[in-house]
Amino acid sequence: MEQGLIQGAQSPDNADSITPEKIAEGIQIPDDLKEAYERVVASGMQVLFSKDTHQAALDIFKAQEGDVAQKLGQGIAGLLATIYGEANGSLPPQVMIPAGVELLVQAADFMRRSGMAKITNKVIGDAMDIMVTSILEGAGLSIDKMVGFVDQKMASGEQPPAAEEPEQPPTEA
């Protein structure tokens, strides 16, 4: 069974179950995209945590409006847009969302550990949703457009790429 780029189930009720380590273990990048993925993550980590840019990143976060999830999601989406723009087309867009997930969880973990904000799995999930939506909208895409594309393909007799069902653990009889 082919697996997606991000694997593993996270319990939304356990405030500490989403960690950078668990996310890093669950992100699976094809070999031909690993170098680009690692470049995006390294660039993002540099901006978020280097002594030269860390305070500016915190100031931007604090100045944004909205709740923590909104600030995280939009902040990481903005960071990714900057990285992608500065790369002048040398980064494959397929790595942006998985790299964003890793960066978002790193930033959330920092906020949790520093006491800057109460971070739960729900906050992280909401922030990921906001980040992905922001990235898609920035690329001129939307969920509605993607649904319309799939509907159009199905109406013309073409089958959209199938999403595989997650494996279910065997049940005892």
Foldseek 3Di string as FASTA:
>chain_A
DDDDQFDDDFDQVFFPRDALVNRVVGGDDPPVQVVLLVVLLVQLCCQCDPPVRVVVLVVQLVPDDDDLLLSLLVSLLVSLVVVCVVVVNPHDPVSSLSSSLSSSNVVLVVCCVVVVDRGGSVSSVSSSVSNVQSNQVVVVHHPVNVVVVQVVCVVVVHHDDDDDDDDDDDDDD
